Amino acid sequence: MNTAVNIFKKLRNRIAFAFIFFAFFTLVDEYVKEGYIFDVRDLSTPEITHEKIFLVTLLAGLILGLRKK
């Protein structure tokens, strides 16, 4: 039972790292395509923007990585 819990924790940490890596990759992509890193005004538009993707993936990574059982 204990090894299953350890495997689950390792998997959760790897998924959290992947989300955070994807979040920062999104910022790099935004800078390459648009020439700026983060524009708060893009959060209020109805379209899916780099800023929204960044926030969702960053929050998912942080929640998964910081959650304790």
PDB file of N, CA and C in Angstrom:
ATOM      1  N   MET A   1       0.827  -1.197   0.000  1.00  0.00           N
ATOM      2  CA  MET A   1       0.000   0.000   0.000  1.00  0.00           C
ATOM      3  C   MET A   1       0.870   1.259   0.000  1.00  0.00           C
ATOM      4  N   ASN A   2       1.933   1.231   0.771  1.00  0.00           N
ATOM      5  CA  ASN A   2       2.802   2.393   0.884  1.00  0.00           C
ATOM      6  C   ASN A   2       3.487   2.715  -0.440  1.00  0.00           C
ATOM      7  N   THR A   3       3.863   1.695  -1.201  1.00  0.00           N
ATOM      8  CA  THR A   3       4.516   1.957  -2.484  1.00  0.00           C
ATOM      9  C   THR A   3       3.546   2.571  -3.483  1.00  0.00           C
ATOM     10  N   ALA A   4       2.273   2.188  -3.412  1.00  0.00           N
ATOM     11  CA  ALA A   4       1.277   2.786  -4.307  1.00  0.00           C
ATOM     12  C   ALA A   4       1.113   4.269  -4.014  1.00  0.00           C
ATOM     13  N   VAL A   5       1.161   4.626  -2.740  1.00  0.00           N
ATOM     14  CA  VAL A   5       1.043   6.032  -2.357  1.00  0.00           C
ATOM     15  C   VAL A   5       2.264   6.806  -2.855  1.00  0.00           C
ATOM     16  N   ASN A   6       3.443   6.224  -2.720  1.00  0.00           N
ATOM     17  CA  ASN A   6       4.661   6.885  -3.199  1.00  0.00           C
ATOM     18  C   ASN A   6       4.648   7.065  -4.709  1.00  0.00           C
ATOM     19  N   ILE A   7       4.183   6.055  -5.418  1.00  0.00           N
ATOM     20  CA  ILE A   7       4.093   6.165  -6.882  1.00  0.00           C
ATOM     21  C   ILE A   7       3.121   7.269  -7.268  1.00  0.00           C
ATOM     22  N   PHE A   8       1.980   7.349  -6.559  1.00  0.00           N
ATOM     23  CA  PHE A   8       0.992   8.388  -6.848  1.00  0.00           C
ATOM     24  C   PHE A   8       1.571   9.774  -6.580  1.00  0.00           C
ATOM     25  N   LYS A   9       2.325   9.936  -5.488  1.00  0.00           N
ATOM     26  CA  LYS A   9       2.927  11.234  -5.166  1.00  0.00           C
ATOM     27  C   LYS A   9       3.959  11.630  -6.215  1.00  0.00           C
ATOM     28  N   LYS A  10       4.764  10.675  -6.650  1.00  0.00           N
ATOM     29  CA  LYS A  10       5.756  10.968  -7.685  1.00  0.00           C
ATOM     30  C   LYS A  10       5.085  11.348  -8.993  1.00  0.00           C
ATOM     31  N   LEU A  11       4.027  10.646  -9.354  1.00  0.00           N
ATOM     32  CA  LEU A  11       3.292  10.957 -10.578  1.00  0.00           C
ATOM     33  C   LEU A  11       2.661  12.339 -10.489  1.00  0.00           C
ATOM     34  N   ARG A  12       2.068  12.649  -9.334  1.00  0.00           N
ATOM     35  CA  ARG A  12       1.448  13.961  -9.147  1.00  0.00           C
ATOM     36  C   ARG A  12       2.501  15.062  -9.251  1.00  0.00           C
ATOM     37  N   ASN A  13       3.670  14.850  -8.680  1.00  0.00           N
ATOM     38  CA  ASN A  13       4.734  15.855  -8.757  1.00  0.00           C
ATOM     39  C   ASN A  13       5.233  16.030 -10.184  1.00  0.00           C
ATOM     40  N   ARG A  14       5.326  14.943 -10.925  1.00  0.00           N
ATOM     41  CA  ARG A  14       5.759  15.060 -12.322  1.00  0.00           C
ATOM     42  C   ARG A  14       4.724  15.787 -13.171  1.00  0.00           C
ATOM     43  N   ILE A  15       3.447  15.517 -12.927  1.00  0.00           N
ATOM     44  CA  ILE A  15       2.390  16.217 -13.663  1.00  0.00           C
ATOM     45  C   ILE A  15       2.404  17.700 -13.294  1.00  0.00           C
ATOM     46  N   ALA A  16       2.609  18.015 -12.021  1.00  0.00           N
ATOM     47  CA  ALA A  16       2.695  19.411 -11.583  1.00  0.00           C
ATOM     48  C   ALA A  16       3.852  20.111 -12.275  1.00  0.00           C
ATOM     49  N   PHE A  17       5.005  19.446 -12.336  1.00  0.00           N
ATOM     50  CA  PHE A  17       6.162  20.027 -13.023  1.00  0.00           C
ATOM     51  C   PHE A  17       5.862  20.255 -14.507  1.00  0.00           C
ATOM     52  N   ALA A  18       5.163  19.301 -15.131  1.00  0.00           N
ATOM     53  CA  ALA A  18       4.819  19.438 -16.554  1.00  0.00           C
ATOM     54  C   ALA A  18       3.909  20.648 -16.770  1.00  0.00           C
ATOM     55  N   PHE A  19       2.933  20.849 -15.878  1.00  0.00           N
ATOM     56  CA  PHE A  19       2.050  22.014 -15.993  1.00  0.00           C
ATOM     57  C   PHE A  19       2.836  23.314 -15.861  1.00  0.00           C
ATOM     58  N   ILE A  20       3.731  23.380 -14.893  1.00  0.00           N
ATOM     59  CA  ILE A  20       4.512  24.601 -14.685  1.00  0.00           C
ATOM     60  C   ILE A  20       5.455  24.839 -15.862  1.00  0.00           C
ATOM     61  N   PHE A  21       6.077  23.778 -16.375  1.00  0.00           N
ATOM     62  CA  PHE A  21       6.930  23.907 -17.548  1.00  0.00           C
ATOM     63  C   PHE A  21       6.122  24.422 -18.737  1.00  0.00           C
ATOM     64  N   PHE A  22       4.922  23.876 -18.952  1.00  0.00           N
ATOM     65  CA  PHE A  22       4.074  24.319 -20.052  1.00  0.00           C
ATOM     66  C   PHE A  22       3.646  25.772 -19.859  1.00  0.00           C
ATOM     67  N   ALA A  23       3.435  26.191 -18.620  1.00  0.00           N
ATOM     68  CA  ALA A  23       3.058  27.585 -18.350  1.00  0.00           C
ATOM     69  C   ALA A  23       4.168  28.529 -18.786  1.00  0.00           C
ATOM     70  N   PHE A  24       5.396  28.225 -18.433  1.00  0.00           N
ATOM     71  CA  PHE A  24       6.494  29.102 -18.816  1.00  0.00           C
ATOM     72  C   PHE A  24       6.811  29.003 -20.308  1.00  0.00           C
ATOM     73  N   PHE A  25       6.596  27.839 -20.897  1.00  0.00           N
ATOM     74  CA  PHE A  25       6.736  27.708 -22.336  1.00  0.00           C
ATOM     75  C   PHE A  25       5.706  28.595 -23.051  1.00  0.00           C
ATOM     76  N   THR A  26       4.519  28.713 -22.467  1.00  0.00           N
ATOM     77  CA  THR A  26       3.479  29.579 -23.024  1.00  0.00           C
ATOM     78  C   THR A  26       3.925  31.036 -23.003  1.00  0.00           C
ATOM     79  N   LEU A  27       4.595  31.456 -21.931  1.00  0.00           N
ATOM     80  CA  LEU A  27       5.114  32.830 -21.880  1.00  0.00           C
ATOM     81  C   LEU A  27       6.173  33.075 -22.941  1.00  0.00           C
ATOM     82  N   VAL A  28       7.034  32.100 -23.157  1.00  0.00           N
ATOM     83  CA  VAL A  28       8.061  32.232 -24.195  1.00  0.00           C
ATOM     84  C   VAL A  28       7.399  32.337 -25.561  1.00  0.00           C
ATOM     85  N   ASP A  29       6.394  31.513 -25.811  1.00  0.00           N
ATOM     86  CA  ASP A  29       5.675  31.552 -27.082  1.00  0.00           C
ATOM     87  C   ASP A  29       4.990  32.902 -27.277  1.00  0.00           C
ATOM     88  N   GLU A  30       4.426  33.437 -26.211  1.00  0.00           N
ATOM     89  CA  GLU A  30       3.782  34.756 -26.276  1.00  0.00           C
ATOM     90  C   GLU A  30       4.804  35.825 -26.649  1.00  0.00           C
ATOM     91  N   TYR A  31       5.980  35.757 -26.052  1.00  0.00           N
ATOM     92  CA  TYR A  31       7.004  36.754 -26.341  1.00  0.00           C
ATOM     93  C   TYR A  31       7.473  36.650 -27.793  1.00  0.00           C
ATOM     94  N   VAL A  32       7.630  35.432 -28.285  1.00  0.00           N
ATOM     95  CA  VAL A  32       8.089  35.237 -29.664  1.00  0.00           C
ATOM     96  C   VAL A  32       7.034  35.712 -30.656  1.00  0.00           C
ATOM     97  N   LYS A  33       5.766  35.376 -30.407  1.00  0.00           N
ATOM     98  CA  LYS A  33       4.709  35.714 -31.363  1.00  0.00           C
ATOM     99  C   LYS A  33       4.242  37.163 -31.263  1.00  0.00           C
ATOM    100  N   GLU A  34       4.105  37.675 -30.025  1.00  0.00           N
ATOM    101  CA  GLU A  34       3.499  38.990 -29.847  1.00  0.00           C
ATOM    102  C   GLU A  34       4.504  40.084 -29.493  1.00  0.00           C
ATOM    103  N   GLY A  35       5.657  39.718 -28.962  1.00  0.00           N
ATOM    104  CA  GLY A  35       6.650  40.711 -28.607  1.00  0.00           C
ATOM    105  C   GLY A  35       6.538  41.201 -27.178  1.00  0.00           C
ATOM    106  N   TYR A  36       5.623  40.675 -26.405  1.00  0.00           N
ATOM    107  CA  TYR A  36       5.508  41.020 -24.989  1.00  0.00           C
ATOM    108  C   TYR A  36       5.196  39.744 -24.215  1.00  0.00           C
ATOM    109  N   ILE A  37       5.370  39.804 -22.904  1.00  0.00           N
ATOM    110  CA  ILE A  37       5.210  38.586 -22.111  1.00  0.00           C
ATOM    111  C   ILE A  37       3.793  38.437 -21.569  1.00  0.00           C
ATOM    112  N   PHE A  38       3.249  39.468 -20.951  1.00  0.00           N
ATOM    113  CA  PHE A  38       1.931  39.345 -20.317  1.00  0.00           C
ATOM    114  C   PHE A  38       1.195  40.664 -20.439  1.00  0.00           C
ATOM    115  N   ASP A  39      -0.014  40.611 -20.969  1.00  0.00           N
ATOM    116  CA  ASP A  39      -0.851  41.800 -21.081  1.00  0.00           C
ATOM    117  C   ASP A  39      -2.151  41.529 -20.327  1.00  0.00           C
ATOM    118  N   VAL A  40      -2.380  42.284 -19.272  1.00  0.00           N
ATOM    119  CA  VAL A  40      -3.547  42.070 -18.418  1.00  0.00           C
ATOM    120  C   VAL A  40      -4.842  42.289 -19.195  1.00  0.00           C
ATOM    121  N   ARG A  41      -4.822  43.145 -20.190  1.00  0.00           N
ATOM    122  CA  ARG A  41      -6.031  43.414 -20.971  1.00  0.00           C
ATOM    123  C   ARG A  41      -6.523  42.181 -21.727  1.00  0.00           C
ATOM    124  N   ASP A  42      -5.620  41.251 -22.041  1.00  0.00           N
ATOM    125  CA  ASP A  42      -6.021  40.029 -22.741  1.00  0.00           C
ATOM    126  C   ASP A  42      -6.827  39.082 -21.856  1.00  0.00           C
ATOM    127  N   LEU A  43      -6.840  39.309 -20.561  1.00  0.00           N
ATOM    128  CA  LEU A  43      -7.624  38.469 -19.659  1.00  0.00           C
ATOM    129  C   LEU A  43      -9.115  38.766 -19.752  1.00  0.00           C
ATOM    130  N   SER A  44      -9.477  39.965 -20.195  1.00  0.00           N
ATOM    131  CA  SER A  44     -10.882  40.356 -20.244  1.00  0.00           C
ATOM    132  C   SER A  44     -11.549  40.062 -21.587  1.00  0.00           C
ATOM    133  N   THR A  45     -10.806  39.527 -22.535  1.00  0.00           N
ATOM    134  CA  THR A  45     -11.387  39.207 -23.832  1.00  0.00           C
ATOM    135  C   THR A  45     -12.029  37.826 -23.789  1.00  0.00           C
ATOM    136  N   PRO A  46     -13.051  37.581 -24.615  1.00  0.00           N
ATOM    137  CA  PRO A  46     -13.711  36.267 -24.602  1.00  0.00           C
ATOM    138  C   PRO A  46     -12.905  35.163 -25.293  1.00  0.00           C
ATOM    139  N   GLU A  47     -11.906  35.518 -26.074  1.00  0.00           N
ATOM    140  CA  GLU A  47     -11.104  34.516 -26.774  1.00  0.00           C
ATOM    141  C   GLU A  47     -10.114  33.850 -25.822  1.00  0.00           C
ATOM    142  N   ILE A  48      -9.653  32.680 -26.210  1.00  0.00           N
ATOM    143  CA  ILE A  48      -8.589  32.016 -25.466  1.00  0.00           C
ATOM    144  C   ILE A  48      -7.275  32.679 -25.854  1.00  0.00           C
ATOM    145  N   THR A  49      -6.556  33.177 -24.856  1.00  0.00           N
ATOM    146  CA  THR A  49      -5.303  33.884 -25.101  1.00  0.00           C
ATOM    147  C   THR A  49      -4.161  33.169 -24.374  1.00  0.00           C
ATOM    148  N   HIS A  50      -2.935  33.569 -24.721  1.00  0.00           N
ATOM    149  CA  HIS A  50      -1.767  33.008 -24.049  1.00  0.00           C
ATOM    150  C   HIS A  50      -1.820  33.274 -22.544  1.00  0.00           C
ATOM    151  N   GLU A  51      -2.297  34.439 -22.170  1.00  0.00           N
ATOM    152  CA  GLU A  51      -2.356  34.799 -20.759  1.00  0.00           C
ATOM    153  C   GLU A  51      -3.283  33.874 -19.984  1.00  0.00           C
ATOM    154  N   LYS A  52      -4.418  33.542 -20.554  1.00  0.00           N
ATOM    155  CA  LYS A  52      -5.360  32.633 -19.890  1.00  0.00           C
ATOM    156  C   LYS A  52      -4.792  31.225 -19.793  1.00  0.00           C
ATOM    157  N   ILE A  53      -4.150  30.772 -20.853  1.00  0.00           N
ATOM    158  CA  ILE A  53      -3.525  29.446 -20.826  1.00  0.00           C
ATOM    159  C   ILE A  53      -2.428  29.418 -19.770  1.00  0.00           C
ATOM    160  N   PHE A  54      -1.644  30.482 -19.693  1.00  0.00           N
ATOM    161  CA  PHE A  54      -0.577  30.571 -18.701  1.00  0.00           C
ATOM    162  C   PHE A  54      -1.133  30.465 -17.287  1.00  0.00           C
ATOM    163  N   LEU A  55      -2.170  31.246 -16.993  1.00  0.00           N
ATOM    164  CA  LEU A  55      -2.722  31.239 -15.641  1.00  0.00           C
ATOM    165  C   LEU A  55      -3.315  29.886 -15.263  1.00  0.00           C
ATOM    166  N   VAL A  56      -4.041  29.268 -16.188  1.00  0.00           N
ATOM    167  CA  VAL A  56      -4.664  27.973 -15.896  1.00  0.00           C
ATOM    168  C   VAL A  56      -3.606  26.907 -15.650  1.00  0.00           C
ATOM    169  N   THR A  57      -2.606  26.847 -16.500  1.00  0.00           N
ATOM    170  CA  THR A  57      -1.581  25.814 -16.335  1.00  0.00           C
ATOM    171  C   THR A  57      -0.702  26.079 -15.111  1.00  0.00           C
ATOM    172  N   LEU A  58      -0.400  27.335 -14.839  1.00  0.00           N
ATOM    173  CA  LEU A  58       0.396  27.652 -13.662  1.00  0.00           C
ATOM    174  C   LEU A  58      -0.356  27.305 -12.383  1.00  0.00           C
ATOM    175  N   LEU A  59      -1.618  27.679 -12.306  1.00  0.00           N
ATOM    176  CA  LEU A  59      -2.413  27.358 -11.123  1.00  0.00           C
ATOM    177  C   LEU A  59      -2.584  25.858 -10.948  1.00  0.00           C
ATOM    178  N   ALA A  60      -2.815  25.132 -12.039  1.00  0.00           N
ATOM    179  CA  ALA A  60      -2.951  23.676 -11.947  1.00  0.00           C
ATOM    180  C   ALA A  60      -1.658  23.056 -11.436  1.00  0.00           C
ATOM    181  N   GLY A  61      -0.533  23.509 -11.934  1.00  0.00           N
ATOM    182  CA  GLY A  61       0.751  22.991 -11.483  1.00  0.00           C
ATOM    183  C   GLY A  61       1.024  23.298 -10.027  1.00  0.00           C
ATOM    184  N   LEU A  62       0.707  24.510  -9.614  1.00  0.00           N
ATOM    185  CA  LEU A  62       0.933  24.881  -8.220  1.00  0.00           C
ATOM    186  C   LEU A  62       0.008  24.119  -7.282  1.00  0.00           C
ATOM    187  N   ILE A  63      -1.237  23.972  -7.657  1.00  0.00           N
ATOM    188  CA  ILE A  63      -2.181  23.240  -6.815  1.00  0.00           C
ATOM    189  C   ILE A  63      -1.769  21.778  -6.686  1.00  0.00           C
ATOM    190  N   LEU A  64      -1.397  21.164  -7.793  1.00  0.00           N
ATOM    191  CA  LEU A  64      -0.966  19.766  -7.728  1.00  0.00           C
ATOM    192  C   LEU A  64       0.339  19.603  -6.961  1.00  0.00           C
ATOM    193  N   GLY A  65       1.243  20.546  -7.122  1.00  0.00           N
ATOM    194  CA  GLY A  65       2.550  20.436  -6.486  1.00  0.00           C
ATOM    195  C   GLY A  65       2.543  20.776  -5.013  1.00  0.00           C
ATOM    196  N   LEU A  66       1.670  21.651  -4.589  1.00  0.00           N
ATOM    197  CA  LEU A  66       1.662  22.095  -3.196  1.00  0.00           C
ATOM    198  C   LEU A  66       0.664  21.344  -2.320  1.00  0.00           C
ATOM    199  N   ARG A  67      -0.196  20.565  -2.943  1.00  0.00           N
ATOM    200  CA  ARG A  67      -1.225  19.845  -2.186  1.00  0.00           C
ATOM    201  C   ARG A  67      -0.587  18.752  -1.331  1.00  0.00           C
ATOM    202  N   LYS A  68      -0.968  18.699  -0.080  1.00  0.00           N
ATOM    203  CA  LYS A  68      -0.448  17.673   0.842  1.00  0.00           C
ATOM    204  C   LYS A  68      -1.610  16.792   1.297  1.00  0.00           C
ATOM    205  N   LYS A  69      -1.314  15.535   1.511  1.00  0.00           N
ATOM    206  CA  LYS A  69      -2.335  14.616   2.040  1.00  0.00           C
ATOM    207  C   LYS A  69      -1.983  14.223   3.441  1.00  0.00           C
TER     208      LYS A  69
END
